[in-house]
Amino acid sequence: MGVVIGVVLLIAALFVGVLVLKLTWFLLGSLVVGLFIGVIARAVLPGRQDVGWLRTLGAGLGGSMGGGLLASALHLGGLMSFGLSVAVAVALVAWLTGPKAPRLP
C-alpha cells in the first residue's frame, strides 16, 4: 500500500512540476514578447517618449493581451493579431506619455 501511495505522489509531483515549468516558460515568453511589442510601439510613435523600460514593458504586455483578445474576438489570424497588439501598445504608450504642452519661444 505504501508503494502505491509513493508512486501516486511521485506522478502527482511530476505532473505539478511540468505545469509549473510550462507556466514559467509562458510567463518568460510573455515578458519578452511584451517588451518587443512595447519597443516597436515606441518606435512607431513620432518624437521622444519619456517612458521607462518598465512602462514600455507594461504597454507591450497590455497591447499584446488587448490586441490578442480583440483579434480572437474578431477571428483574425496571427499577423493581424500582431498588428492589433502593436496598435494597442502604441495607444498605451501615447496615453502614458500624456499630452505634450507646446513650448513657448
C-alpha atoms as a PDB file:
ATOM      1  CA  MET A   1       0.000   0.000   0.000  1.00  0.00           C
ATOM      2  CA  GLY A   2       2.839   2.373   0.841  1.00  0.00           C
ATOM      3  CA  VAL A   3       4.491   1.762  -2.542  1.00  0.00           C
ATOM      4  CA  VAL A   4       1.255   2.628  -4.375  1.00  0.00           C
ATOM      5  CA  ILE A   5       0.904   5.881  -2.428  1.00  0.00           C
ATOM      6  CA  GLY A   6       4.546   6.709  -3.148  1.00  0.00           C
ATOM      7  CA  VAL A   7       4.078   6.113  -6.884  1.00  0.00           C
ATOM      8  CA  VAL A   8       0.895   8.209  -6.940  1.00  0.00           C
ATOM      9  CA  LEU A   9       2.653  11.032  -5.100  1.00  0.00           C
ATOM     10  CA  LEU A  10       5.608  10.837  -7.489  1.00  0.00           C
ATOM     11  CA  ILE A  11       3.322  11.031 -10.523  1.00  0.00           C
ATOM     12  CA  ALA A  12       1.426  13.944  -8.983  1.00  0.00           C
ATOM     13  CA  ALA A  13       4.703  15.775  -8.227  1.00  0.00           C
ATOM     14  CA  LEU A  14       5.923  15.243 -11.804  1.00  0.00           C
ATOM     15  CA  PHE A  15       2.592  16.500 -13.175  1.00  0.00           C
ATOM     16  CA  VAL A  16       2.683  19.623 -10.993  1.00  0.00           C
ATOM     17  CA  GLY A  17       6.332  20.175 -11.888  1.00  0.00           C
ATOM     18  CA  VAL A  18       5.563  20.074 -15.610  1.00  0.00           C
ATOM     19  CA  LEU A  19       2.687  22.524 -15.135  1.00  0.00           C
ATOM     20  CA  VAL A  20       4.910  24.918 -13.176  1.00  0.00           C
ATOM     21  CA  LEU A  21       7.635  24.669 -15.806  1.00  0.00           C
ATOM     22  CA  LYS A  22       5.149  25.391 -18.614  1.00  0.00           C
ATOM     23  CA  LEU A  23       3.760  28.352 -16.696  1.00  0.00           C
ATOM     24  CA  THR A  24       7.266  29.702 -16.097  1.00  0.00           C
ATOM     25  CA  TRP A  25       8.176  29.485 -19.786  1.00  0.00           C
ATOM     26  CA  PHE A  26       4.832  31.054 -20.731  1.00  0.00           C
ATOM     27  CA  LEU A  27       5.431  33.996 -18.390  1.00  0.00           C
ATOM     28  CA  LEU A  28       9.014  34.494 -19.583  1.00  0.00           C
ATOM     29  CA  GLY A  29       7.857  34.340 -23.197  1.00  0.00           C
ATOM     30  CA  SER A  30       5.091  36.839 -22.474  1.00  0.00           C
ATOM     31  CA  LEU A  31       7.599  39.242 -20.931  1.00  0.00           C
ATOM     32  CA  VAL A  32       9.908  39.022 -23.941  1.00  0.00           C
ATOM     33  CA  VAL A  33       7.046  39.455 -26.435  1.00  0.00           C
ATOM     34  CA  GLY A  34       5.608  42.326 -24.386  1.00  0.00           C
ATOM     35  CA  LEU A  35       8.932  44.127 -24.297  1.00  0.00           C
ATOM     36  CA  PHE A  36       9.381  43.559 -28.037  1.00  0.00           C
ATOM     37  CA  ILE A  37       5.903  44.923 -28.841  1.00  0.00           C
ATOM     38  CA  GLY A  38       6.463  47.865 -26.479  1.00  0.00           C
ATOM     39  CA  VAL A  39       9.724  48.749 -28.221  1.00  0.00           C
ATOM     40  CA  ILE A  40       8.002  48.574 -31.609  1.00  0.00           C
ATOM     41  CA  ALA A  41       5.211  50.800 -30.273  1.00  0.00           C
ATOM     42  CA  ARG A  42       7.735  53.389 -29.088  1.00  0.00           C
ATOM     43  CA  ALA A  43       9.497  53.268 -32.454  1.00  0.00           C
ATOM     44  CA  VAL A  44       6.218  53.859 -34.312  1.00  0.00           C
ATOM     45  CA  LEU A  45       5.312  56.954 -32.307  1.00  0.00           C
ATOM     46  CA  PRO A  46       6.950  60.141 -33.567  1.00  0.00           C
ATOM     47  CA  GLY A  47       9.182  62.147 -31.251  1.00  0.00           C
ATOM     48  CA  ARG A  48      10.759  61.220 -27.969  1.00  0.00           C
ATOM     49  CA  GLN A  49       8.725  59.466 -25.300  1.00  0.00           C
ATOM     50  CA  ASP A  50       9.625  59.920 -21.664  1.00  0.00           C
ATOM     51  CA  VAL A  51       8.653  56.362 -20.778  1.00  0.00           C
ATOM     52  CA  GLY A  52      10.994  53.988 -18.968  1.00  0.00           C
ATOM     53  CA  TRP A  53      11.523  50.354 -19.810  1.00  0.00           C
ATOM     54  CA  LEU A  54       9.050  49.158 -17.158  1.00  0.00           C
ATOM     55  CA  ARG A  55       6.261  51.261 -18.661  1.00  0.00           C
ATOM     56  CA  THR A  56       7.329  50.117 -22.119  1.00  0.00           C
ATOM     57  CA  LEU A  57       7.074  46.516 -20.909  1.00  0.00           C
ATOM     58  CA  GLY A  58       3.674  47.229 -19.356  1.00  0.00           C
ATOM     59  CA  ALA A  59       2.393  48.877 -22.536  1.00  0.00           C
ATOM     60  CA  GLY A  60       3.721  45.962 -24.566  1.00  0.00           C
ATOM     61  CA  LEU A  61       2.099  43.385 -22.298  1.00  0.00           C
ATOM     62  CA  GLY A  62      -1.168  45.333 -22.305  1.00  0.00           C
ATOM     63  CA  GLY A  63      -1.018  45.713 -26.061  1.00  0.00           C
ATOM     64  CA  SER A  64      -0.225  42.052 -26.517  1.00  0.00           C
ATOM     65  CA  MET A  65      -3.135  40.966 -24.348  1.00  0.00           C
ATOM     66  CA  GLY A  66      -5.571  43.579 -25.659  1.00  0.00           C
ATOM     67  CA  GLY A  67      -4.704  43.022 -29.300  1.00  0.00           C
ATOM     68  CA  GLY A  68      -4.761  39.260 -28.865  1.00  0.00           C
ATOM     69  CA  LEU A  69      -8.194  39.349 -27.240  1.00  0.00           C
ATOM     70  CA  LEU A  70      -9.549  41.697 -29.905  1.00  0.00           C
ATOM     71  CA  ALA A  71      -8.120  39.552 -32.717  1.00  0.00           C
ATOM     72  CA  SER A  72      -9.557  36.435 -31.095  1.00  0.00           C
ATOM     73  CA  ALA A  73     -12.981  38.055 -30.799  1.00  0.00           C
ATOM     74  CA  LEU A  74     -12.850  39.104 -34.466  1.00  0.00           C
ATOM     75  CA  HIS A  75     -11.473  35.692 -35.571  1.00  0.00           C
ATOM     76  CA  LEU A  76      -8.370  37.215 -37.164  1.00  0.00           C
ATOM     77  CA  GLY A  77      -5.113  35.431 -37.971  1.00  0.00           C
ATOM     78  CA  GLY A  78      -1.641  35.682 -36.464  1.00  0.00           C
ATOM     79  CA  LEU A  79      -0.336  38.639 -38.474  1.00  0.00           C
ATOM     80  CA  MET A  80      -3.452  40.693 -37.827  1.00  0.00           C
ATOM     81  CA  SER A  81      -3.237  39.776 -34.156  1.00  0.00           C
ATOM     82  CA  PHE A  82       0.356  41.049 -34.063  1.00  0.00           C
ATOM     83  CA  GLY A  83      -0.693  44.268 -35.820  1.00  0.00           C
ATOM     84  CA  LEU A  84      -3.535  44.837 -33.381  1.00  0.00           C
ATOM     85  CA  SER A  85      -1.185  44.146 -30.471  1.00  0.00           C
ATOM     86  CA  VAL A  86       1.236  46.788 -31.722  1.00  0.00           C
ATOM     87  CA  ALA A  87      -1.629  49.247 -32.337  1.00  0.00           C
ATOM     88  CA  VAL A  88      -2.975  48.795 -28.800  1.00  0.00           C
ATOM     89  CA  ALA A  89       0.553  49.153 -27.394  1.00  0.00           C
ATOM     90  CA  VAL A  90       1.045  52.369 -29.426  1.00  0.00           C
ATOM     91  CA  ALA A  91      -2.159  53.735 -27.916  1.00  0.00           C
ATOM     92  CA  LEU A  92      -0.994  52.760 -24.421  1.00  0.00           C
ATOM     93  CA  VAL A  93       2.442  54.370 -24.882  1.00  0.00           C
ATOM     94  CA  ALA A  94       0.762  57.518 -26.234  1.00  0.00           C
ATOM     95  CA  TRP A  95      -1.557  57.530 -23.233  1.00  0.00           C
ATOM     96  CA  LEU A  96       1.355  57.018 -20.822  1.00  0.00           C
ATOM     97  CA  THR A  97       3.309  59.948 -22.270  1.00  0.00           C
ATOM     98  CA  GLY A  98       0.274  62.193 -21.947  1.00  0.00           C
ATOM     99  CA  PRO A  99      -0.485  65.364 -23.848  1.00  0.00           C
ATOM    100  CA  LYS A 100       2.538  67.497 -24.597  1.00  0.00           C
ATOM    101  CA  ALA A 101       2.188  71.183 -23.967  1.00  0.00           C
ATOM    102  CA  PRO A 102       3.719  73.308 -26.748  1.00  0.00           C
ATOM    103  CA  ARG A 103       6.885  75.171 -25.743  1.00  0.00           C
ATOM    104  CA  LEU A 104       6.856  78.918 -25.958  1.00  0.00           C
ATOM    105  CA  PRO A 105       9.863  80.621 -27.556  1.00  0.00           C
END
